Amino acid sequence: MNRLARLARLGLAVGTAAVLALGLTSSAEAATGNIRYFSASGQEARIDNPPDNVCINLRFRAQLLANNTNKTVSYFFGANCSNFTGDLAPGRAVSYQNPLSVRVIG
């Protein structure tokens, strides 16, 4: 009986670890769609399916920033998500704010 109890505890521990591991991997989500941005000279760049809660530095200051994702995007005047400027709802765009970094917030 003692050996059976140890096997049951081991099975429970392995099962719990598997559930926790799967739960952690599924919580890392990404927005569906893209963030498009344009420089003052008309250069275009985009970020496809950006991850949630990760600061992304843009390649250049965005004169126009368009959120074509299914989640809200925060945009920042400075690099590394410094100097919060505003939030951009899905399907919205903003111009003349000149952000240099963005973060999907959900």
PDB file of N, CA and C in Angstrom:
ATOM      1  N   MET A   1       0.820  -1.192   0.000  1.00  0.00           N
ATOM      2  CA  MET A   1       0.000   0.000   0.000  1.00  0.00           C
ATOM      3  C   MET A   1       0.865   1.258   0.000  1.00  0.00           C
ATOM      4  N   ASN A   2       1.999   1.223   0.710  1.00  0.00           N
ATOM      5  CA  ASN A   2       2.898   2.367   0.777  1.00  0.00           C
ATOM      6  C   ASN A   2       3.447   2.706  -0.608  1.00  0.00           C
ATOM      7  N   ARG A   3       3.793   1.654  -1.375  1.00  0.00           N
ATOM      8  CA  ARG A   3       4.320   1.863  -2.718  1.00  0.00           C
ATOM      9  C   ARG A   3       3.237   2.466  -3.631  1.00  0.00           C
ATOM     10  N   LEU A   4       2.011   2.029  -3.488  1.00  0.00           N
ATOM     11  CA  LEU A   4       0.909   2.560  -4.275  1.00  0.00           C
ATOM     12  C   LEU A   4       0.662   4.034  -3.950  1.00  0.00           C
ATOM     13  N   ALA A   5       0.768   4.391  -2.682  1.00  0.00           N
ATOM     14  CA  ALA A   5       0.581   5.782  -2.270  1.00  0.00           C
ATOM     15  C   ALA A   5       1.672   6.668  -2.861  1.00  0.00           C
ATOM     16  N   ARG A   6       2.926   6.166  -2.878  1.00  0.00           N
ATOM     17  CA  ARG A   6       4.024   6.939  -3.470  1.00  0.00           C
ATOM     18  C   ARG A   6       3.813   7.140  -4.973  1.00  0.00           C
ATOM     19  N   LEU A   7       3.356   6.110  -5.651  1.00  0.00           N
ATOM     20  CA  LEU A   7       3.089   6.227  -7.083  1.00  0.00           C
ATOM     21  C   LEU A   7       1.955   7.221  -7.356  1.00  0.00           C
ATOM     22  N   ALA A   8       0.943   7.211  -6.513  1.00  0.00           N
ATOM     23  CA  ALA A   8      -0.167   8.146  -6.679  1.00  0.00           C
ATOM     24  C   ALA A   8       0.304   9.582  -6.470  1.00  0.00           C
ATOM     25  N   ARG A   9       1.143   9.797  -5.449  1.00  0.00           N
ATOM     26  CA  ARG A   9       1.678  11.148  -5.208  1.00  0.00           C
ATOM     27  C   ARG A   9       2.560  11.597  -6.357  1.00  0.00           C
ATOM     28  N   LEU A  10       3.388  10.673  -6.873  1.00  0.00           N
ATOM     29  CA  LEU A  10       4.249  10.997  -8.004  1.00  0.00           C
ATOM     30  C   LEU A  10       3.409  11.357  -9.225  1.00  0.00           C
ATOM     31  N   GLY A  11       2.373  10.585  -9.472  1.00  0.00           N
ATOM     32  CA  GLY A  11       1.469  10.877 -10.593  1.00  0.00           C
ATOM     33  C   GLY A  11       0.799  12.225 -10.436  1.00  0.00           C
ATOM     34  N   LEU A  12       0.374  12.537  -9.221  1.00  0.00           N
ATOM     35  CA  LEU A  12      -0.255  13.823  -8.951  1.00  0.00           C
ATOM     36  C   LEU A  12       0.736  14.964  -9.175  1.00  0.00           C
ATOM     37  N   ALA A  13       1.966  14.779  -8.716  1.00  0.00           N
ATOM     38  CA  ALA A  13       2.990  15.817  -8.896  1.00  0.00           C
ATOM     39  C   ALA A  13       3.298  16.047 -10.372  1.00  0.00           C
ATOM     40  N   VAL A  14       3.438  14.967 -11.138  1.00  0.00           N
ATOM     41  CA  VAL A  14       3.721  15.085 -12.569  1.00  0.00           C
ATOM     42  C   VAL A  14       2.542  15.751 -13.286  1.00  0.00           C
ATOM     43  N   GLY A  15       1.335  15.350 -12.940  1.00  0.00           N
ATOM     44  CA  GLY A  15       0.147  15.954 -13.553  1.00  0.00           C
ATOM     45  C   GLY A  15       0.033  17.434 -13.249  1.00  0.00           C
ATOM     46  N   THR A  16       0.303  17.807 -11.998  1.00  0.00           N
ATOM     47  CA  THR A  16       0.255  19.215 -11.603  1.00  0.00           C
ATOM     48  C   THR A  16       1.307  20.016 -12.359  1.00  0.00           C
ATOM     49  N   ALA A  17       2.507  19.471 -12.475  1.00  0.00           N
ATOM     50  CA  ALA A  17       3.578  20.160 -13.210  1.00  0.00           C
ATOM     51  C   ALA A  17       3.190  20.350 -14.668  1.00  0.00           C
ATOM     52  N   ALA A  18       2.581  19.347 -15.275  1.00  0.00           N
ATOM     53  CA  ALA A  18       2.172  19.453 -16.676  1.00  0.00           C
ATOM     54  C   ALA A  18       1.103  20.529 -16.855  1.00  0.00           C
ATOM     55  N   VAL A  19       0.134  20.574 -15.958  1.00  0.00           N
ATOM     56  CA  VAL A  19      -0.914  21.587 -16.047  1.00  0.00           C
ATOM     57  C   VAL A  19      -0.325  22.981 -15.883  1.00  0.00           C
ATOM     58  N   LEU A  20       0.573  23.158 -14.938  1.00  0.00           N
ATOM     59  CA  LEU A  20       1.204  24.460 -14.739  1.00  0.00           C
ATOM     60  C   LEU A  20       2.024  24.865 -15.954  1.00  0.00           C
ATOM     61  N   ALA A  21       2.777  23.949 -16.513  1.00  0.00           N
ATOM     62  CA  ALA A  21       3.602  24.259 -17.681  1.00  0.00           C
ATOM     63  C   ALA A  21       2.734  24.640 -18.869  1.00  0.00           C
ATOM     64  N   LEU A  22       1.679  23.908 -19.110  1.00  0.00           N
ATOM     65  CA  LEU A  22       0.788  24.244 -20.217  1.00  0.00           C
ATOM     66  C   LEU A  22       0.079  25.558 -19.968  1.00  0.00           C
ATOM     67  N   GLY A  23      -0.292  25.813 -18.757  1.00  0.00           N
ATOM     68  CA  GLY A  23      -0.940  27.075 -18.419  1.00  0.00           C
ATOM     69  C   GLY A  23      -0.019  28.258 -18.628  1.00  0.00           C
ATOM     70  N   LEU A  24       1.242  28.135 -18.310  1.00  0.00           N
ATOM     71  CA  LEU A  24       2.188  29.225 -18.497  1.00  0.00           C
ATOM     72  C   LEU A  24       2.473  29.471 -19.971  1.00  0.00           C
ATOM     73  N   THR A  25       2.578  28.430 -20.759  1.00  0.00           N
ATOM     74  CA  THR A  25       2.873  28.641 -22.171  1.00  0.00           C
ATOM     75  C   THR A  25       1.676  29.220 -22.900  1.00  0.00           C
ATOM     76  N   SER A  26       0.478  28.918 -22.502  1.00  0.00           N
ATOM     77  CA  SER A  26      -0.677  29.461 -23.204  1.00  0.00           C
ATOM     78  C   SER A  26      -0.962  30.901 -22.799  1.00  0.00           C
ATOM     79  N   SER A  27      -0.378  31.389 -21.709  1.00  0.00           N
ATOM     80  CA  SER A  27      -0.628  32.760 -21.290  1.00  0.00           C
ATOM     81  C   SER A  27       0.214  33.760 -22.072  1.00  0.00           C
ATOM     82  N   ALA A  28       1.235  33.304 -22.796  1.00  0.00           N
ATOM     83  CA  ALA A  28       2.034  34.186 -23.630  1.00  0.00           C
ATOM     84  C   ALA A  28       1.281  34.397 -24.933  1.00  0.00           C
ATOM     85  N   GLU A  29       0.603  35.522 -25.054  1.00  0.00           N
ATOM     86  CA  GLU A  29      -0.244  35.766 -26.200  1.00  0.00           C
ATOM     87  C   GLU A  29       0.336  36.855 -27.074  1.00  0.00           C
ATOM     88  N   ALA A  30      -0.239  36.995 -28.224  1.00  0.00           N
ATOM     89  CA  ALA A  30       0.140  38.052 -29.145  1.00  0.00           C
ATOM     90  C   ALA A  30      -1.128  38.615 -29.763  1.00  0.00           C
ATOM     91  N   ALA A  31      -1.044  39.861 -30.150  1.00  0.00           N
ATOM     92  CA  ALA A  31      -2.156  40.470 -30.865  1.00  0.00           C
ATOM     93  C   ALA A  31      -2.208  39.886 -32.272  1.00  0.00           C
ATOM     94  N   THR A  32      -3.395  39.843 -32.826  1.00  0.00           N
ATOM     95  CA  THR A  32      -3.564  39.395 -34.200  1.00  0.00           C
ATOM     96  C   THR A  32      -3.674  40.629 -35.091  1.00  0.00           C
ATOM     97  N   GLY A  33      -2.878  40.663 -36.135  1.00  0.00           N
ATOM     98  CA  GLY A  33      -2.876  41.808 -37.036  1.00  0.00           C
ATOM     99  C   GLY A  33      -1.514  42.472 -37.053  1.00  0.00           C
ATOM    100  N   ASN A  34      -1.502  43.773 -37.350  1.00  0.00           N
ATOM    101  CA  ASN A  34      -0.218  44.468 -37.393  1.00  0.00           C
ATOM    102  C   ASN A  34      -0.342  45.907 -36.928  1.00  0.00           C
ATOM    103  N   ILE A  35       0.799  46.451 -36.588  1.00  0.00           N
ATOM    104  CA  ILE A  35       0.939  47.869 -36.289  1.00  0.00           C
ATOM    105  C   ILE A  35       1.723  48.451 -37.459  1.00  0.00           C
ATOM    106  N   ARG A  36       1.130  49.414 -38.150  1.00  0.00           N
ATOM    107  CA  ARG A  36       1.809  50.063 -39.275  1.00  0.00           C
ATOM    108  C   ARG A  36       2.173  51.470 -38.862  1.00  0.00           C
ATOM    109  N   TYR A  37       3.337  51.903 -39.316  1.00  0.00           N
ATOM    110  CA  TYR A  37       3.729  53.276 -39.034  1.00  0.00           C
ATOM    111  C   TYR A  37       4.505  53.857 -40.201  1.00  0.00           C
ATOM    112  N   PHE A  38       4.445  55.190 -40.309  1.00  0.00           N
ATOM    113  CA  PHE A  38       5.029  55.911 -41.424  1.00  0.00           C
ATOM    114  C   PHE A  38       5.857  57.074 -40.900  1.00  0.00           C
ATOM    115  N   SER A  39       6.994  57.306 -41.535  1.00  0.00           N
ATOM    116  CA  SER A  39       7.842  58.444 -41.176  1.00  0.00           C
ATOM    117  C   SER A  39       7.312  59.701 -41.866  1.00  0.00           C
ATOM    118  N   ALA A  40       7.881  60.841 -41.539  1.00  0.00           N
ATOM    119  CA  ALA A  40       7.487  62.100 -42.171  1.00  0.00           C
ATOM    120  C   ALA A  40       7.782  62.079 -43.668  1.00  0.00           C
ATOM    121  N   SER A  41       8.790  61.312 -44.082  1.00  0.00           N
ATOM    122  CA  SER A  41       9.135  61.229 -45.507  1.00  0.00           C
ATOM    123  C   SER A  41       8.339  60.151 -46.239  1.00  0.00           C
ATOM    124  N   GLY A  42       7.459  59.429 -45.536  1.00  0.00           N
ATOM    125  CA  GLY A  42       6.613  58.431 -46.156  1.00  0.00           C
ATOM    126  C   GLY A  42       7.119  57.006 -46.073  1.00  0.00           C
ATOM    127  N   GLN A  43       8.251  56.799 -45.407  1.00  0.00           N
ATOM    128  CA  GLN A  43       8.767  55.435 -45.238  1.00  0.00           C
ATOM    129  C   GLN A  43       7.780  54.645 -44.371  1.00  0.00           C
ATOM    130  N   GLU A  44       7.490  53.406 -44.776  1.00  0.00           N
ATOM    131  CA  GLU A  44       6.534  52.567 -44.054  1.00  0.00           C
ATOM    132  C   GLU A  44       7.230  51.387 -43.391  1.00  0.00           C
ATOM    133  N   ALA A  45       6.749  51.027 -42.208  1.00  0.00           N
ATOM    134  CA  ALA A  45       7.216  49.811 -41.519  1.00  0.00           C
ATOM    135  C   ALA A  45       6.006  49.204 -40.824  1.00  0.00           C
ATOM    136  N   ARG A  46       6.111  47.923 -40.502  1.00  0.00           N
ATOM    137  CA  ARG A  46       5.019  47.293 -39.769  1.00  0.00           C
ATOM    138  C   ARG A  46       5.547  46.195 -38.867  1.00  0.00           C
ATOM    139  N   ILE A  47       4.761  45.925 -37.842  1.00  0.00           N
ATOM    140  CA  ILE A  47       5.067  44.880 -36.870  1.00  0.00           C
ATOM    141  C   ILE A  47       3.893  43.912 -36.915  1.00  0.00           C
ATOM    142  N   ASP A  48       4.131  42.691 -37.390  1.00  0.00           N
ATOM    143  CA  ASP A  48       3.078  41.693 -37.501  1.00  0.00           C
ATOM    144  C   ASP A  48       2.909  40.910 -36.207  1.00  0.00           C
ATOM    145  N   ASN A  49       1.663  40.714 -35.797  1.00  0.00           N
ATOM    146  CA  ASN A  49       1.307  39.931 -34.611  1.00  0.00           C
ATOM    147  C   ASN A  49       2.212  40.250 -33.416  1.00  0.00           C
ATOM    148  N   PRO A  50       2.232  41.505 -32.968  1.00  0.00           N
ATOM    149  CA  PRO A  50       3.117  41.884 -31.868  1.00  0.00           C
ATOM    150  C   PRO A  50       2.738  41.188 -30.555  1.00  0.00           C
ATOM    151  N   PRO A  51       3.728  40.783 -29.765  1.00  0.00           N
ATOM    152  CA  PRO A  51       3.448  40.115 -28.488  1.00  0.00           C
ATOM    153  C   PRO A  51       2.855  41.082 -27.464  1.00  0.00           C
ATOM    154  N   ASP A  52       2.069  40.555 -26.551  1.00  0.00           N
ATOM    155  CA  ASP A  52       1.499  41.350 -25.465  1.00  0.00           C
ATOM    156  C   ASP A  52       2.579  41.751 -24.463  1.00  0.00           C
ATOM    157  N   ASN A  53       2.427  42.953 -23.922  1.00  0.00           N
ATOM    158  CA  ASN A  53       3.250  43.443 -22.808  1.00  0.00           C
ATOM    159  C   ASN A  53       4.742  43.391 -23.069  1.00  0.00           C
ATOM    160  N   VAL A  54       5.145  43.624 -24.309  1.00  0.00           N
ATOM    161  CA  VAL A  54       6.559  43.694 -24.669  1.00  0.00           C
ATOM    162  C   VAL A  54       6.790  45.046 -25.321  1.00  0.00           C
ATOM    163  N   CYS A  55       7.746  45.794 -24.817  1.00  0.00           N
ATOM    164  CA  CYS A  55       8.072  47.083 -25.413  1.00  0.00           C
ATOM    165  C   CYS A  55       8.799  46.851 -26.739  1.00  0.00           C
ATOM    166  N   ILE A  56       8.339  47.531 -27.773  1.00  0.00           N
ATOM    167  CA  ILE A  56       8.947  47.412 -29.098  1.00  0.00           C
ATOM    168  C   ILE A  56       9.401  48.797 -29.537  1.00  0.00           C
ATOM    169  N   ASN A  57      10.696  48.944 -29.772  1.00  0.00           N
ATOM    170  CA  ASN A  57      11.218  50.203 -30.293  1.00  0.00           C
ATOM    171  C   ASN A  57      10.993  50.249 -31.801  1.00  0.00           C
ATOM    172  N   LEU A  58      10.458  51.363 -32.265  1.00  0.00           N
ATOM    173  CA  LEU A  58      10.227  51.544 -33.690  1.00  0.00           C
ATOM    174  C   LEU A  58      11.541  51.880 -34.381  1.00  0.00           C
ATOM    175  N   ARG A  59      11.605  51.632 -35.678  1.00  0.00           N
ATOM    176  CA  ARG A  59      12.839  51.896 -36.427  1.00  0.00           C
ATOM    177  C   ARG A  59      13.067  53.382 -36.635  1.00  0.00           C
ATOM    178  N   PHE A  60      11.991  54.173 -36.569  1.00  0.00           N
ATOM    179  CA  PHE A  60      12.070  55.618 -36.741  1.00  0.00           C
ATOM    180  C   PHE A  60      10.839  56.231 -36.087  1.00  0.00           C
ATOM    181  N   ARG A  61      10.881  57.538 -35.870  1.00  0.00           N
ATOM    182  CA  ARG A  61       9.719  58.228 -35.296  1.00  0.00           C
ATOM    183  C   ARG A  61       8.540  58.110 -36.252  1.00  0.00           C
ATOM    184  N   ALA A  62       7.396  57.791 -35.716  1.00  0.00           N
ATOM    185  CA  ALA A  62       6.208  57.583 -36.544  1.00  0.00           C
ATOM    186  C   ALA A  62       5.371  58.855 -36.611  1.00  0.00           C
ATOM    187  N   GLN A  63       5.259  59.402 -37.795  1.00  0.00           N
ATOM    188  CA  GLN A  63       4.366  60.538 -37.963  1.00  0.00           C
ATOM    189  C   GLN A  63       2.916  60.059 -37.984  1.00  0.00           C
ATOM    190  N   LEU A  64       2.706  58.856 -38.527  1.00  0.00           N
ATOM    191  CA  LEU A  64       1.386  58.220 -38.515  1.00  0.00           C
ATOM    192  C   LEU A  64       1.547  56.822 -37.949  1.00  0.00           C
ATOM    193  N   LEU A  65       0.720  56.470 -36.969  1.00  0.00           N
ATOM    194  CA  LEU A  65       0.755  55.159 -36.325  1.00  0.00           C
ATOM    195  C   LEU A  65      -0.643  54.563 -36.410  1.00  0.00           C
ATOM    196  N   ALA A  66      -0.768  53.366 -36.998  1.00  0.00           N
ATOM    197  CA  ALA A  66      -2.070  52.720 -37.173  1.00  0.00           C
ATOM    198  C   ALA A  66      -2.082  51.373 -36.451  1.00  0.00           C
ATOM    199  N   ASN A  67      -3.088  51.172 -35.610  1.00  0.00           N
ATOM    200  CA  ASN A  67      -3.248  49.921 -34.877  1.00  0.00           C
ATOM    201  C   ASN A  67      -4.237  49.032 -35.620  1.00  0.00           C
ATOM    202  N   ASN A  68      -3.716  48.108 -36.404  1.00  0.00           N
ATOM    203  CA  ASN A  68      -4.552  47.162 -37.152  1.00  0.00           C
ATOM    204  C   ASN A  68      -4.578  45.806 -36.458  1.00  0.00           C
ATOM    205  N   THR A  69      -4.524  45.812 -35.117  1.00  0.00           N
ATOM    206  CA  THR A  69      -4.575  44.578 -34.336  1.00  0.00           C
ATOM    207  C   THR A  69      -5.930  44.481 -33.636  1.00  0.00           C
ATOM    208  N   ASN A  70      -6.099  43.414 -32.894  1.00  0.00           N
ATOM    209  CA  ASN A  70      -7.334  43.210 -32.136  1.00  0.00           C
ATOM    210  C   ASN A  70      -7.192  43.648 -30.674  1.00  0.00           C
ATOM    211  N   LYS A  71      -6.094  44.348 -30.359  1.00  0.00           N
ATOM    212  CA  LYS A  71      -5.849  44.768 -28.975  1.00  0.00           C
ATOM    213  C   LYS A  71      -5.411  46.229 -28.927  1.00  0.00           C
ATOM    214  N   THR A  72      -5.526  46.832 -27.755  1.00  0.00           N
ATOM    215  CA  THR A  72      -5.094  48.216 -27.556  1.00  0.00           C
ATOM    216  C   THR A  72      -3.574  48.301 -27.527  1.00  0.00           C
ATOM    217  N   VAL A  73      -3.055  49.362 -28.118  1.00  0.00           N
ATOM    218  CA  VAL A  73      -1.608  49.595 -28.167  1.00  0.00           C
ATOM    219  C   VAL A  73      -1.312  50.912 -27.457  1.00  0.00           C
ATOM    220  N   SER A  74      -0.372  50.890 -26.518  1.00  0.00           N
ATOM    221  CA  SER A  74       0.132  52.117 -25.904  1.00  0.00           C
ATOM    222  C   SER A  74       1.306  52.604 -26.741  1.00  0.00           C
ATOM    223  N   TYR A  75       1.413  53.911 -26.901  1.00  0.00           N
ATOM    224  CA  TYR A  75       2.547  54.453 -27.638  1.00  0.00           C
ATOM    225  C   TYR A  75       3.265  55.495 -26.787  1.00  0.00           C
ATOM    226  N   PHE A  76       4.575  55.589 -27.024  1.00  0.00           N
ATOM    227  CA  PHE A  76       5.463  56.359 -26.167  1.00  0.00           C
ATOM    228  C   PHE A  76       6.353  57.265 -27.008  1.00  0.00           C
ATOM    229  N   PHE A  77       6.589  58.464 -26.519  1.00  0.00           N
ATOM    230  CA  PHE A  77       7.442  59.415 -27.237  1.00  0.00           C
ATOM    231  C   PHE A  77       8.891  58.954 -27.251  1.00  0.00           C
ATOM    232  N   GLY A  78       9.344  58.350 -26.161  1.00  0.00           N
ATOM    233  CA  GLY A  78      10.733  57.914 -26.060  1.00  0.00           C
ATOM    234  C   GLY A  78      10.930  56.449 -26.383  1.00  0.00           C
ATOM    235  N   ALA A  79      12.181  56.075 -26.551  1.00  0.00           N
ATOM    236  CA  ALA A  79      12.541  54.666 -26.748  1.00  0.00           C
ATOM    237  C   ALA A  79      12.317  53.907 -25.445  1.00  0.00           C
ATOM    238  N   ASN A  80      12.262  52.584 -25.547  1.00  0.00           N
ATOM    239  CA  ASN A  80      12.116  51.698 -24.383  1.00  0.00           C
ATOM    240  C   ASN A  80      10.872  52.009 -23.567  1.00  0.00           C
ATOM    241  N   CYS A  81       9.825  52.440 -24.251  1.00  0.00           N
ATOM    242  CA  CYS A  81       8.516  52.730 -23.639  1.00  0.00           C
ATOM    243  C   CYS A  81       8.610  53.768 -22.527  1.00  0.00           C
ATOM    244  N   SER A  82       9.363  54.810 -22.790  1.00  0.00           N
ATOM    245  CA  SER A  82       9.437  55.928 -21.845  1.00  0.00           C
ATOM    246  C   SER A  82       8.613  57.094 -22.393  1.00  0.00           C
ATOM    247  N   ASN A  83       8.124  57.919 -21.507  1.00  0.00           N
ATOM    248  CA  ASN A  83       7.298  59.083 -21.842  1.00  0.00           C
ATOM    249  C   ASN A  83       5.986  58.664 -22.531  1.00  0.00           C
ATOM    250  N   PHE A  84       5.133  57.995 -21.750  1.00  0.00           N
ATOM    251  CA  PHE A  84       3.823  57.553 -22.246  1.00  0.00           C
ATOM    252  C   PHE A  84       3.101  58.714 -22.916  1.00  0.00           C
ATOM    253  N   THR A  85       2.555  58.449 -24.094  1.00  0.00           N
ATOM    254  CA  THR A  85       1.830  59.478 -24.838  1.00  0.00           C
ATOM    255  C   THR A  85       0.343  59.178 -24.891  1.00  0.00           C
ATOM    256  N   GLY A  86      -0.028  57.921 -25.184  1.00  0.00           N
ATOM    257  CA  GLY A  86      -1.446  57.605 -25.253  1.00  0.00           C
ATOM    258  C   GLY A  86      -1.699  56.151 -25.586  1.00  0.00           C
ATOM    259  N   ASP A  87      -2.984  55.799 -25.627  1.00  0.00           N
ATOM    260  CA  ASP A  87      -3.433  54.459 -26.001  1.00  0.00           C
ATOM    261  C   ASP A  87      -4.188  54.557 -27.320  1.00  0.00           C
ATOM    262  N   LEU A  88      -4.037  53.527 -28.118  1.00  0.00           N
ATOM    263  CA  LEU A  88      -4.669  53.482 -29.423  1.00  0.00           C
ATOM    264  C   LEU A  88      -5.523  52.218 -29.504  1.00  0.00           C
ATOM    265  N   ALA A  89      -6.827  52.395 -29.602  1.00  0.00           N
ATOM    266  CA  ALA A  89      -7.761  51.268 -29.661  1.00  0.00           C
ATOM    267  C   ALA A  89      -7.603  50.509 -30.978  1.00  0.00           C
ATOM    268  N   PRO A  90      -8.042  49.263 -31.025  1.00  0.00           N
ATOM    269  CA  PRO A  90      -7.981  48.492 -32.272  1.00  0.00           C
ATOM    270  C   PRO A  90      -8.686  49.229 -33.414  1.00  0.00           C
ATOM    271  N   GLY A  91      -8.056  49.208 -34.584  1.00  0.00           N
ATOM    272  CA  GLY A  91      -8.648  49.837 -35.751  1.00  0.00           C
ATOM    273  C   GLY A  91      -8.508  51.339 -35.828  1.00  0.00           C
ATOM    274  N   ARG A  92      -7.752  51.929 -34.912  1.00  0.00           N
ATOM    275  CA  ARG A  92      -7.594  53.393 -34.870  1.00  0.00           C
ATOM    276  C   ARG A  92      -6.189  53.781 -35.299  1.00  0.00           C
ATOM    277  N   ALA A  93      -6.024  55.055 -35.643  1.00  0.00           N
ATOM    278  CA  ALA A  93      -4.722  55.598 -36.025  1.00  0.00           C
ATOM    279  C   ALA A  93      -4.546  56.958 -35.375  1.00  0.00           C
ATOM    280  N   VAL A  94      -3.300  57.378 -35.265  1.00  0.00           N
ATOM    281  CA  VAL A  94      -2.992  58.683 -34.701  1.00  0.00           C
ATOM    282  C   VAL A  94      -1.846  59.284 -35.513  1.00  0.00           C
ATOM    283  N   SER A  95      -1.854  60.598 -35.652  1.00  0.00           N
ATOM    284  CA  SER A  95      -0.778  61.250 -36.400  1.00  0.00           C
ATOM    285  C   SER A  95      -0.199  62.405 -35.597  1.00  0.00           C
ATOM    286  N   TYR A  96       1.021  62.751 -35.945  1.00  0.00           N
ATOM    287  CA  TYR A  96       1.760  63.883 -35.373  1.00  0.00           C
ATOM    288  C   TYR A  96       2.024  63.757 -33.875  1.00  0.00           C
ATOM    289  N   GLN A  97       2.038  62.541 -33.340  1.00  0.00           N
ATOM    290  CA  GLN A  97       2.429  62.314 -31.951  1.00  0.00           C
ATOM    291  C   GLN A  97       3.896  61.893 -31.865  1.00  0.00           C
ATOM    292  N   ASN A  98       4.467  61.453 -32.973  1.00  0.00           N
ATOM    293  CA  ASN A  98       5.884  61.091 -33.111  1.00  0.00           C
ATOM    294  C   ASN A  98       6.385  60.048 -32.119  1.00  0.00           C
ATOM    295  N   PRO A  99       5.658  58.948 -31.931  1.00  0.00           N
ATOM    296  CA  PRO A  99       6.144  57.924 -30.995  1.00  0.00           C
ATOM    297  C   PRO A  99       7.394  57.226 -31.518  1.00  0.00           C
ATOM    298  N   LEU A 100       8.169  56.696 -30.576  1.00  0.00           N
ATOM    299  CA  LEU A 100       9.376  55.950 -30.902  1.00  0.00           C
ATOM    300  C   LEU A 100       9.326  54.520 -30.362  1.00  0.00           C
ATOM    301  N   SER A 101       8.270  54.193 -29.567  1.00  0.00           N
ATOM    302  CA  SER A 101       8.110  52.821 -29.071  1.00  0.00           C
ATOM    303  C   SER A 101       6.639  52.561 -28.785  1.00  0.00           C
ATOM    304  N   VAL A 102       6.286  51.268 -28.782  1.00  0.00           N
ATOM    305  CA  VAL A 102       4.902  50.842 -28.566  1.00  0.00           C
ATOM    306  C   VAL A 102       4.865  49.595 -27.691  1.00  0.00           C
ATOM    307  N   ARG A 103       3.689  49.345 -27.110  1.00  0.00           N
ATOM    308  CA  ARG A 103       3.473  48.128 -26.313  1.00  0.00           C
ATOM    309  C   ARG A 103       2.001  47.730 -26.443  1.00  0.00           C
ATOM    310  N   VAL A 104       1.744  46.471 -26.790  1.00  0.00           N
ATOM    311  CA  VAL A 104       0.378  45.945 -26.831  1.00  0.00           C
ATOM    312  C   VAL A 104      -0.050  45.687 -25.395  1.00  0.00           C
ATOM    313  N   ILE A 105      -1.184  46.253 -25.004  1.00  0.00           N
ATOM    314  CA  ILE A 105      -1.633  46.086 -23.618  1.00  0.00           C
ATOM    315  C   ILE A 105      -2.898  45.257 -23.498  1.00  0.00           C
ATOM    316  N   GLY A 106      -3.483  44.865 -24.585  1.00  0.00           N
ATOM    317  CA  GLY A 106      -4.645  43.975 -24.512  1.00  0.00           C
ATOM    318  C   GLY A 106      -5.902  44.592 -24.763  1.00  0.00           C
TER     319      GLY A 106
END
